[in-house]
Structures are given as structure tokens and as C-alpha cells.
Amino acid sequence: MKDTEVQLKRIQTKVQQLLKQQASLQKENGQLKEEVRMAQEQLTSCQENMDNLKQQVDVLKYTSGEMSELEKKEFEKKLTTYVKEIDRCIVMLSQ
């Protein structure tokens, strides 16, 4: 009987250790998920910033006349796309 009691005690101790480990791992998992979310937000922000800077470079090149004809056509195409998108937004807002 004592042998089974000792085994039961060991099992209970092991279960308690496993529960503590599980709680610790869940906490760590939550922290890591938060870090991933924050890193993704930062990446998105950096990408948006990079896109804005590229647009500014394009505008500066266009206004200073440093663009090749191909770059000018691409830039004008982007501008046309932006204008059309703005027009669609204005139409939607006026409805």
C-alpha cells in the first residue's frame, strides 16, 4: 500500500510541475504573440513610410526634370490612377 502511495505522490508532484510549466509556457506564448504583433505593426509602418518616401523622391525627380521619359510616363500613370481613385471617393461621398 505504501508503494502505491509513494507512486501516487510522485504522480501528483509531476502533474503539479507540468501544470506550472504549462502556465509558464502559455505566458511566454502570449508575450511572444504580442511581440510578433508589434513587429508586424512596425513593419507595416516602415513599409508605408518607405512608400511615402519613394513617392516624394518621384515628385522631386519629376519637378527637377531628372526623370527619363519612361519614368515620367510611369509617374504620370500613377498620378492618373490616384486622380481616378480620388474622383471615385468624391462620388461615393456625394451620394
PDB file of N, CA and C in Angstrom:
ATOM      1  N   MET A   1       0.817  -1.191   0.000  1.00  0.00           N
ATOM      2  CA  MET A   1       0.000   0.000   0.000  1.00  0.00           C
ATOM      3  C   MET A   1       0.859   1.253   0.000  1.00  0.00           C
ATOM      4  N   LYS A   2       1.948   1.209   0.781  1.00  0.00           N
ATOM      5  CA  LYS A   2       2.813   2.374   0.838  1.00  0.00           C
ATOM      6  C   LYS A   2       3.448   2.634  -0.521  1.00  0.00           C
ATOM      7  N   ASP A   3       3.733   1.574  -1.233  1.00  0.00           N
ATOM      8  CA  ASP A   3       4.356   1.708  -2.545  1.00  0.00           C
ATOM      9  C   ASP A   3       3.439   2.474  -3.500  1.00  0.00           C
ATOM     10  N   THR A   4       2.154   2.153  -3.473  1.00  0.00           N
ATOM     11  CA  THR A   4       1.208   2.865  -4.338  1.00  0.00           C
ATOM     12  C   THR A   4       1.039   4.314  -3.890  1.00  0.00           C
ATOM     13  N   GLU A   5       1.107   4.554  -2.594  1.00  0.00           N
ATOM     14  CA  GLU A   5       1.001   5.927  -2.090  1.00  0.00           C
ATOM     15  C   GLU A   5       2.193   6.762  -2.551  1.00  0.00           C
ATOM     16  N   VAL A   6       3.355   6.154  -2.534  1.00  0.00           N
ATOM     17  CA  VAL A   6       4.565   6.851  -2.983  1.00  0.00           C
ATOM     18  C   VAL A   6       4.456   7.161  -4.472  1.00  0.00           C
ATOM     19  N   GLN A   7       3.981   6.184  -5.229  1.00  0.00           N
ATOM     20  CA  GLN A   7       3.815   6.400  -6.666  1.00  0.00           C
ATOM     21  C   GLN A   7       2.773   7.486  -6.932  1.00  0.00           C
ATOM     22  N   LEU A   8       1.701   7.459  -6.177  1.00  0.00           N
ATOM     23  CA  LEU A   8       0.655   8.474  -6.326  1.00  0.00           C
ATOM     24  C   LEU A   8       1.204   9.859  -6.001  1.00  0.00           C
ATOM     25  N   LYS A   9       2.008   9.954  -4.960  1.00  0.00           N
ATOM     26  CA  LYS A   9       2.629  11.231  -4.580  1.00  0.00           C
ATOM     27  C   LYS A   9       3.527  11.736  -5.701  1.00  0.00           C
ATOM     28  N   ARG A  10       4.321  10.831  -6.289  1.00  0.00           N
ATOM     29  CA  ARG A  10       5.212  11.204  -7.390  1.00  0.00           C
ATOM     30  C   ARG A  10       4.404  11.714  -8.585  1.00  0.00           C
ATOM     31  N   ILE A  11       3.324  11.014  -8.865  1.00  0.00           N
ATOM     32  CA  ILE A  11       2.470  11.414  -9.990  1.00  0.00           C
ATOM     33  C   ILE A  11       1.871  12.787  -9.728  1.00  0.00           C
ATOM     34  N   GLN A  12       1.391  13.004  -8.511  1.00  0.00           N
ATOM     35  CA  GLN A  12       0.816  14.306  -8.170  1.00  0.00           C
ATOM     36  C   GLN A  12       1.865  15.414  -8.281  1.00  0.00           C
ATOM     37  N   THR A  13       3.056  15.131  -7.816  1.00  0.00           N
ATOM     38  CA  THR A  13       4.143  16.112  -7.904  1.00  0.00           C
ATOM     39  C   THR A  13       4.465  16.417  -9.362  1.00  0.00           C
ATOM     40  N   LYS A  14       4.532  15.360 -10.160  1.00  0.00           N
ATOM     41  CA  LYS A  14       4.837  15.532 -11.585  1.00  0.00           C
ATOM     42  C   LYS A  14       3.730  16.325 -12.277  1.00  0.00           C
ATOM     43  N   VAL A  15       2.482  16.044 -11.954  1.00  0.00           N
ATOM     44  CA  VAL A  15       1.353  16.777 -12.535  1.00  0.00           C
ATOM     45  C   VAL A  15       1.435  18.253 -12.152  1.00  0.00           C
ATOM     46  N   GLN A  16       1.759  18.537 -10.899  1.00  0.00           N
ATOM     47  CA  GLN A  16       1.899  19.927 -10.457  1.00  0.00           C
ATOM     48  C   GLN A  16       3.019  20.634 -11.222  1.00  0.00           C
ATOM     49  N   GLN A  17       4.131  19.937 -11.412  1.00  0.00           N
ATOM     50  CA  GLN A  17       5.238  20.519 -12.174  1.00  0.00           C
ATOM     51  C   GLN A  17       4.821  20.799 -13.613  1.00  0.00           C
ATOM     52  N   LEU A  18       4.103  19.845 -14.200  1.00  0.00           N
ATOM     53  CA  LEU A  18       3.650  20.019 -15.581  1.00  0.00           C
ATOM     54  C   LEU A  18       2.659  21.174 -15.705  1.00  0.00           C
ATOM     55  N   LEU A  19       1.782  21.331 -14.722  1.00  0.00           N
ATOM     56  CA  LEU A  19       0.827  22.440 -14.744  1.00  0.00           C
ATOM     57  C   LEU A  19       1.539  23.788 -14.629  1.00  0.00           C
ATOM     58  N   LYS A  20       2.544  23.842 -13.764  1.00  0.00           N
ATOM     59  CA  LYS A  20       3.328  25.075 -13.637  1.00  0.00           C
ATOM     60  C   LYS A  20       4.063  25.378 -14.942  1.00  0.00           C
ATOM     61  N   GLN A  21       4.621  24.340 -15.537  1.00  0.00           N
ATOM     62  CA  GLN A  21       5.343  24.513 -16.800  1.00  0.00           C
ATOM     63  C   GLN A  21       4.388  24.967 -17.902  1.00  0.00           C
ATOM     64  N   GLN A  22       3.196  24.387 -17.923  1.00  0.00           N
ATOM     65  CA  GLN A  22       2.194  24.774 -18.918  1.00  0.00           C
ATOM     66  C   GLN A  22       1.818  26.249 -18.757  1.00  0.00           C
ATOM     67  N   ALA A  23       1.586  26.668 -17.532  1.00  0.00           N
ATOM     68  CA  ALA A  23       1.232  28.067 -17.275  1.00  0.00           C
ATOM     69  C   ALA A  23       2.360  28.997 -17.712  1.00  0.00           C
ATOM     70  N   SER A  24       3.580  28.604 -17.409  1.00  0.00           N
ATOM     71  CA  SER A  24       4.737  29.412 -17.796  1.00  0.00           C
ATOM     72  C   SER A  24       4.850  29.507 -19.316  1.00  0.00           C
ATOM     73  N   LEU A  25       4.651  28.382 -19.989  1.00  0.00           N
ATOM     74  CA  LEU A  25       4.739  28.368 -21.450  1.00  0.00           C
ATOM     75  C   LEU A  25       3.600  29.164 -22.091  1.00  0.00           C
ATOM     76  N   GLN A  26       2.416  29.103 -21.497  1.00  0.00           N
ATOM     77  CA  GLN A  26       1.298  29.890 -22.021  1.00  0.00           C
ATOM     78  C   GLN A  26       1.581  31.385 -21.883  1.00  0.00           C
ATOM     79  N   LYS A  27       2.154  31.766 -20.761  1.00  0.00           N
ATOM     80  CA  LYS A  27       2.503  33.174 -20.547  1.00  0.00           C
ATOM     81  C   LYS A  27       3.552  33.612 -21.567  1.00  0.00           C
ATOM     82  N   GLU A  28       4.563  32.783 -21.751  1.00  0.00           N
ATOM     83  CA  GLU A  28       5.618  33.096 -22.716  1.00  0.00           C
ATOM     84  C   GLU A  28       5.045  33.165 -24.128  1.00  0.00           C
ATOM     85  N   ASN A  29       4.136  32.255 -24.453  1.00  0.00           N
ATOM     86  CA  ASN A  29       3.495  32.245 -25.764  1.00  0.00           C
ATOM     87  C   ASN A  29       2.725  33.545 -25.992  1.00  0.00           C
ATOM     88  N   GLY A  30       2.015  33.994 -24.980  1.00  0.00           N
ATOM     89  CA  GLY A  30       1.275  35.252 -25.080  1.00  0.00           C
ATOM     90  C   GLY A  30       2.205  36.432 -25.311  1.00  0.00           C
ATOM     91  N   GLN A  31       3.321  36.445 -24.595  1.00  0.00           N
ATOM     92  CA  GLN A  31       4.299  37.525 -24.765  1.00  0.00           C
ATOM     93  C   GLN A  31       4.896  37.505 -26.171  1.00  0.00           C
ATOM     94  N   LEU A  32       5.201  36.311 -26.658  1.00  0.00           N
ATOM     95  CA  LEU A  32       5.772  36.196 -28.000  1.00  0.00           C
ATOM     96  C   LEU A  32       4.767  36.617 -29.070  1.00  0.00           C
ATOM     97  N   LYS A  33       3.503  36.266 -28.871  1.00  0.00           N
ATOM     98  CA  LYS A  33       2.477  36.698 -29.826  1.00  0.00           C
ATOM     99  C   LYS A  33       2.368  38.217 -29.853  1.00  0.00           C
ATOM    100  N   GLU A  34       2.459  38.831 -28.693  1.00  0.00           N
ATOM    101  CA  GLU A  34       2.407  40.298 -28.614  1.00  0.00           C
ATOM    102  C   GLU A  34       3.617  40.912 -29.316  1.00  0.00           C
ATOM    103  N   GLU A  35       4.789  40.314 -29.122  1.00  0.00           N
ATOM    104  CA  GLU A  35       5.990  40.803 -29.797  1.00  0.00           C
ATOM    105  C   GLU A  35       5.846  40.692 -31.311  1.00  0.00           C
ATOM    106  N   VAL A  36       5.291  39.577 -31.777  1.00  0.00           N
ATOM    107  CA  VAL A  36       5.075  39.390 -33.217  1.00  0.00           C
ATOM    108  C   VAL A  36       4.108  40.442 -33.743  1.00  0.00           C
ATOM    109  N   ARG A  37       3.028  40.691 -33.015  1.00  0.00           N
ATOM    110  CA  ARG A  37       2.040  41.689 -33.442  1.00  0.00           C
ATOM    111  C   ARG A  37       2.686  43.068 -33.538  1.00  0.00           C
ATOM    112  N   MET A  38       3.481  43.407 -32.534  1.00  0.00           N
ATOM    113  CA  MET A  38       4.142  44.713 -32.534  1.00  0.00           C
ATOM    114  C   MET A  38       5.151  44.819 -33.676  1.00  0.00           C
ATOM    115  N   ALA A  39       5.874  43.734 -33.933  1.00  0.00           N
ATOM    116  CA  ALA A  39       6.845  43.740 -35.031  1.00  0.00           C
ATOM    117  C   ALA A  39       6.134  43.886 -36.376  1.00  0.00           C
ATOM    118  N   GLN A  40       4.972  43.234 -36.521  1.00  0.00           N
ATOM    119  CA  GLN A  40       4.211  43.358 -37.763  1.00  0.00           C
ATOM    120  C   GLN A  40       3.700  44.784 -37.946  1.00  0.00           C
ATOM    121  N   GLU A  41       3.247  45.406 -36.866  1.00  0.00           N
ATOM    122  CA  GLU A  41       2.797  46.798 -36.947  1.00  0.00           C
ATOM    123  C   GLU A  41       3.953  47.709 -37.340  1.00  0.00           C
ATOM    124  N   GLN A  42       5.107  47.465 -36.757  1.00  0.00           N
ATOM    125  CA  GLN A  42       6.278  48.280 -37.065  1.00  0.00           C
ATOM    126  C   GLN A  42       6.690  48.078 -38.522  1.00  0.00           C
ATOM    127  N   LEU A  43       6.634  46.843 -38.998  1.00  0.00           N
ATOM    128  CA  LEU A  43       6.974  46.556 -40.385  1.00  0.00           C
ATOM    129  C   LEU A  43       6.020  47.274 -41.327  1.00  0.00           C
ATOM    130  N   THR A  44       4.729  47.215 -41.020  1.00  0.00           N
ATOM    131  CA  THR A  44       3.732  47.894 -41.841  1.00  0.00           C
ATOM    132  C   THR A  44       3.990  49.392 -41.864  1.00  0.00           C
ATOM    133  N   SER A  45       4.277  49.942 -40.713  1.00  0.00           N
ATOM    134  CA  SER A  45       4.564  51.374 -40.617  1.00  0.00           C
ATOM    135  C   SER A  45       5.800  51.741 -41.437  1.00  0.00           C
ATOM    136  N   CYS A  46       6.833  50.933 -41.344  1.00  0.00           N
ATOM    137  CA  CYS A  46       8.059  51.197 -42.108  1.00  0.00           C
ATOM    138  C   CYS A  46       7.809  51.090 -43.609  1.00  0.00           C
ATOM    139  N   GLN A  47       6.994  50.114 -44.016  1.00  0.00           N
ATOM    140  CA  GLN A  47       6.683  49.965 -45.432  1.00  0.00           C
ATOM    141  C   GLN A  47       5.895  51.162 -45.945  1.00  0.00           C
ATOM    142  N   GLU A  48       4.940  51.637 -45.149  1.00  0.00           N
ATOM    143  CA  GLU A  48       4.176  52.816 -45.539  1.00  0.00           C
ATOM    144  C   GLU A  48       5.089  54.027 -45.638  1.00  0.00           C
ATOM    145  N   ASN A  49       5.985  54.167 -44.681  1.00  0.00           N
ATOM    146  CA  ASN A  49       6.940  55.274 -44.693  1.00  0.00           C
ATOM    147  C   ASN A  49       7.830  55.198 -45.928  1.00  0.00           C
ATOM    148  N   MET A  50       8.285  53.995 -46.254  1.00  0.00           N
ATOM    149  CA  MET A  50       9.131  53.799 -47.422  1.00  0.00           C
ATOM    150  C   MET A  50       8.377  54.167 -48.697  1.00  0.00           C
ATOM    151  N   ASP A  51       7.116  53.757 -48.803  1.00  0.00           N
ATOM    152  CA  ASP A  51       6.305  54.099 -49.969  1.00  0.00           C
ATOM    153  C   ASP A  51       6.141  55.610 -50.093  1.00  0.00           C
ATOM    154  N   ASN A  52       5.887  56.271 -48.967  1.00  0.00           N
ATOM    155  CA  ASN A  52       5.749  57.729 -48.982  1.00  0.00           C
ATOM    156  C   ASN A  52       7.045  58.400 -49.437  1.00  0.00           C
ATOM    157  N   LEU A  53       8.164  57.904 -48.942  1.00  0.00           N
ATOM    158  CA  LEU A  53       9.451  58.479 -49.331  1.00  0.00           C
ATOM    159  C   LEU A  53       9.736  58.249 -50.815  1.00  0.00           C
ATOM    160  N   LYS A  54       9.378  57.074 -51.319  1.00  0.00           N
ATOM    161  CA  LYS A  54       9.553  56.808 -52.753  1.00  0.00           C
ATOM    162  C   LYS A  54       8.721  57.774 -53.583  1.00  0.00           C
ATOM    163  N   GLN A  55       7.489  58.027 -53.134  1.00  0.00           N
ATOM    164  CA  GLN A  55       6.637  58.972 -53.850  1.00  0.00           C
ATOM    165  C   GLN A  55       7.255  60.366 -53.824  1.00  0.00           C
ATOM    166  N   GLN A  56       7.794  60.758 -52.692  1.00  0.00           N
ATOM    167  CA  GLN A  56       8.431  62.071 -52.593  1.00  0.00           C
ATOM    168  C   GLN A  56       9.640  62.166 -53.522  1.00  0.00           C
ATOM    169  N   VAL A  57      10.419  61.097 -53.596  1.00  0.00           N
ATOM    170  CA  VAL A  57      11.573  61.075 -54.497  1.00  0.00           C
ATOM    171  C   VAL A  57      11.098  61.219 -55.935  1.00  0.00           C
ATOM    172  N   ASP A  58      10.036  60.488 -56.293  1.00  0.00           N
ATOM    173  CA  ASP A  58       9.498  60.583 -57.651  1.00  0.00           C
ATOM    174  C   ASP A  58       9.039  62.002 -57.964  1.00  0.00           C
ATOM    175  N   VAL A  59       8.352  62.630 -57.021  1.00  0.00           N
ATOM    176  CA  VAL A  59       7.875  64.003 -57.231  1.00  0.00           C
ATOM    177  C   VAL A  59       9.063  64.949 -57.404  1.00  0.00           C
ATOM    178  N   LEU A  60      10.077  64.786 -56.558  1.00  0.00           N
ATOM    179  CA  LEU A  60      11.264  65.644 -56.668  1.00  0.00           C
ATOM    180  C   LEU A  60      11.983  65.442 -57.997  1.00  0.00           C
ATOM    181  N   LYS A  61      12.097  64.194 -58.417  1.00  0.00           N
ATOM    182  CA  LYS A  61      12.724  63.926 -59.710  1.00  0.00           C
ATOM    183  C   LYS A  61      11.920  64.560 -60.839  1.00  0.00           C
ATOM    184  N   TYR A  62      10.597  64.428 -60.734  1.00  0.00           N
ATOM    185  CA  TYR A  62       9.727  64.961 -61.788  1.00  0.00           C
ATOM    186  C   TYR A  62       9.846  66.479 -61.862  1.00  0.00           C
ATOM    187  N   THR A  63       9.812  67.124 -60.708  1.00  0.00           N
ATOM    188  CA  THR A  63       9.852  68.591 -60.706  1.00  0.00           C
ATOM    189  C   THR A  63      11.227  69.134 -61.078  1.00  0.00           C
ATOM    190  N   SER A  64      12.271  68.367 -60.814  1.00  0.00           N
ATOM    191  CA  SER A  64      13.615  68.843 -61.156  1.00  0.00           C
ATOM    192  C   SER A  64      14.021  68.437 -62.565  1.00  0.00           C
ATOM    193  N   GLY A  65      13.192  67.648 -63.229  1.00  0.00           N
ATOM    194  CA  GLY A  65      13.485  67.250 -64.602  1.00  0.00           C
ATOM    195  C   GLY A  65      14.526  66.158 -64.717  1.00  0.00           C
ATOM    196  N   GLU A  66      14.759  65.412 -63.673  1.00  0.00           N
ATOM    197  CA  GLU A  66      15.773  64.358 -63.693  1.00  0.00           C
ATOM    198  C   GLU A  66      15.228  63.004 -64.133  1.00  0.00           C
ATOM    199  N   MET A  67      13.966  62.938 -64.475  1.00  0.00           N
ATOM    200  CA  MET A  67      13.372  61.654 -64.848  1.00  0.00           C
ATOM    201  C   MET A  67      13.581  61.375 -66.332  1.00  0.00           C
ATOM    202  N   SER A  68      13.761  60.104 -66.622  1.00  0.00           N
ATOM    203  CA  SER A  68      13.791  59.702 -68.023  1.00  0.00           C
ATOM    204  C   SER A  68      12.357  59.707 -68.544  1.00  0.00           C
ATOM    205  N   GLU A  69      12.207  59.579 -69.829  1.00  0.00           N
ATOM    206  CA  GLU A  69      10.863  59.589 -70.424  1.00  0.00           C
ATOM    207  C   GLU A  69      10.022  58.429 -69.887  1.00  0.00           C
ATOM    208  N   LEU A  70      10.639  57.273 -69.730  1.00  0.00           N
ATOM    209  CA  LEU A  70       9.919  56.107 -69.212  1.00  0.00           C
ATOM    210  C   LEU A  70       9.455  56.359 -67.783  1.00  0.00           C
ATOM    211  N   GLU A  71      10.330  56.921 -66.964  1.00  0.00           N
ATOM    212  CA  GLU A  71       9.960  57.236 -65.582  1.00  0.00           C
ATOM    213  C   GLU A  71       8.845  58.273 -65.534  1.00  0.00           C
ATOM    214  N   LYS A  72       8.903  59.260 -66.437  1.00  0.00           N
ATOM    215  CA  LYS A  72       7.850  60.279 -66.486  1.00  0.00           C
ATOM    216  C   LYS A  72       6.506  59.657 -66.827  1.00  0.00           C
ATOM    217  N   LYS A  73       6.508  58.737 -67.794  1.00  0.00           N
ATOM    218  CA  LYS A  73       5.255  58.083 -68.189  1.00  0.00           C
ATOM    219  C   LYS A  73       4.692  57.259 -67.034  1.00  0.00           C
ATOM    220  N   GLU A  74       5.567  56.537 -66.341  1.00  0.00           N
ATOM    221  CA  GLU A  74       5.118  55.738 -65.197  1.00  0.00           C
ATOM    222  C   GLU A  74       4.580  56.636 -64.090  1.00  0.00           C
ATOM    223  N   PHE A  75       5.258  57.749 -63.854  1.00  0.00           N
ATOM    224  CA  PHE A  75       4.833  58.694 -62.827  1.00  0.00           C
ATOM    225  C   PHE A  75       3.477  59.294 -63.185  1.00  0.00           C
ATOM    226  N   GLU A  76       3.315  59.690 -64.433  1.00  0.00           N
ATOM    227  CA  GLU A  76       2.043  60.261 -64.873  1.00  0.00           C
ATOM    228  C   GLU A  76       0.924  59.223 -64.790  1.00  0.00           C
ATOM    229  N   LYS A  77       1.261  57.972 -65.065  1.00  0.00           N
ATOM    230  CA  LYS A  77       0.271  56.895 -64.954  1.00  0.00           C
ATOM    231  C   LYS A  77      -0.173  56.736 -63.499  1.00  0.00           C
ATOM    232  N   LYS A  78       0.789  56.801 -62.568  1.00  0.00           N
ATOM    233  CA  LYS A  78       0.451  56.725 -61.141  1.00  0.00           C
ATOM    234  C   LYS A  78      -0.438  57.891 -60.733  1.00  0.00           C
ATOM    235  N   LEU A  79      -0.080  59.087 -61.206  1.00  0.00           N
ATOM    236  CA  LEU A  79      -0.887  60.267 -60.885  1.00  0.00           C
ATOM    237  C   LEU A  79      -2.309  60.116 -61.406  1.00  0.00           C
ATOM    238  N   THR A  80      -2.438  59.622 -62.621  1.00  0.00           N
ATOM    239  CA  THR A  80      -3.763  59.410 -63.208  1.00  0.00           C
ATOM    240  C   THR A  80      -4.561  58.419 -62.374  1.00  0.00           C
ATOM    241  N   THR A  81      -3.903  57.358 -61.933  1.00  0.00           N
ATOM    242  CA  THR A  81      -4.567  56.360 -61.092  1.00  0.00           C
ATOM    243  C   THR A  81      -5.032  56.989 -59.785  1.00  0.00           C
ATOM    244  N   TYR A  82      -4.177  57.805 -59.164  1.00  0.00           N
ATOM    245  CA  TYR A  82      -4.548  58.476 -57.915  1.00  0.00           C
ATOM    246  C   TYR A  82      -5.724  59.422 -58.125  1.00  0.00           C
ATOM    247  N   VAL A  83      -5.696  60.164 -59.217  1.00  0.00           N
ATOM    248  CA  VAL A  83      -6.781  61.109 -59.502  1.00  0.00           C
ATOM    249  C   VAL A  83      -8.094  60.361 -59.696  1.00  0.00           C
ATOM    250  N   LYS A  84      -8.060  59.249 -60.429  1.00  0.00           N
ATOM    251  CA  LYS A  84      -9.275  58.451 -60.637  1.00  0.00           C
ATOM    252  C   LYS A  84      -9.804  57.912 -59.307  1.00  0.00           C
ATOM    253  N   GLU A  85      -8.901  57.455 -58.460  1.00  0.00           N
ATOM    254  CA  GLU A  85      -9.312  56.936 -57.151  1.00  0.00           C
ATOM    255  C   GLU A  85      -9.931  58.044 -56.305  1.00  0.00           C
ATOM    256  N   ILE A  86      -9.341  59.219 -56.338  1.00  0.00           N
ATOM    257  CA  ILE A  86      -9.895  60.364 -55.600  1.00  0.00           C
ATOM    258  C   ILE A  86     -11.268  60.729 -56.141  1.00  0.00           C
ATOM    259  N   ASP A  87     -11.415  60.718 -57.466  1.00  0.00           N
ATOM    260  CA  ASP A  87     -12.717  61.016 -58.077  1.00  0.00           C
ATOM    261  C   ASP A  87     -13.775  60.010 -57.625  1.00  0.00           C
ATOM    262  N   ARG A  88     -13.407  58.719 -57.581  1.00  0.00           N
ATOM    263  CA  ARG A  88     -14.352  57.697 -57.122  1.00  0.00           C
ATOM    264  C   ARG A  88     -14.759  57.949 -55.675  1.00  0.00           C
ATOM    265  N   CYS A  89     -13.807  58.329 -54.859  1.00  0.00           N
ATOM    266  CA  CYS A  89     -14.105  58.622 -53.446  1.00  0.00           C
ATOM    267  C   CYS A  89     -15.043  59.817 -53.327  1.00  0.00           C
ATOM    268  N   ILE A  90     -14.810  60.835 -54.135  1.00  0.00           N
ATOM    269  CA  ILE A  90     -15.673  62.020 -54.107  1.00  0.00           C
ATOM    270  C   ILE A  90     -17.091  61.645 -54.509  1.00  0.00           C
ATOM    271  N   VAL A  91     -17.224  60.820 -55.545  1.00  0.00           N
ATOM    272  CA  VAL A  91     -18.549  60.379 -55.992  1.00  0.00           C
ATOM    273  C   VAL A  91     -19.241  59.595 -54.885  1.00  0.00           C
ATOM    274  N   MET A  92     -18.509  58.704 -54.230  1.00  0.00           N
ATOM    275  CA  MET A  92     -19.104  57.902 -53.154  1.00  0.00           C
ATOM    276  C   MET A  92     -19.533  58.783 -51.988  1.00  0.00           C
ATOM    277  N   LEU A  93     -18.744  59.790 -51.673  1.00  0.00           N
ATOM    278  CA  LEU A  93     -19.075  60.683 -50.563  1.00  0.00           C
ATOM    279  C   LEU A  93     -20.262  61.583 -50.882  1.00  0.00           C
ATOM    280  N   SER A  94     -20.437  61.909 -52.141  1.00  0.00           N
ATOM    281  CA  SER A  94     -21.520  62.820 -52.513  1.00  0.00           C
ATOM    282  C   SER A  94     -22.863  62.106 -52.635  1.00  0.00           C
ATOM    283  N   GLN A  95     -22.852  60.796 -52.592  1.00  0.00           N
ATOM    284  CA  GLN A  95     -24.114  60.048 -52.726  1.00  0.00           C
ATOM    285  C   GLN A  95     -24.868  60.008 -51.424  1.00  0.00           C
TER     286      GLN A  95
END
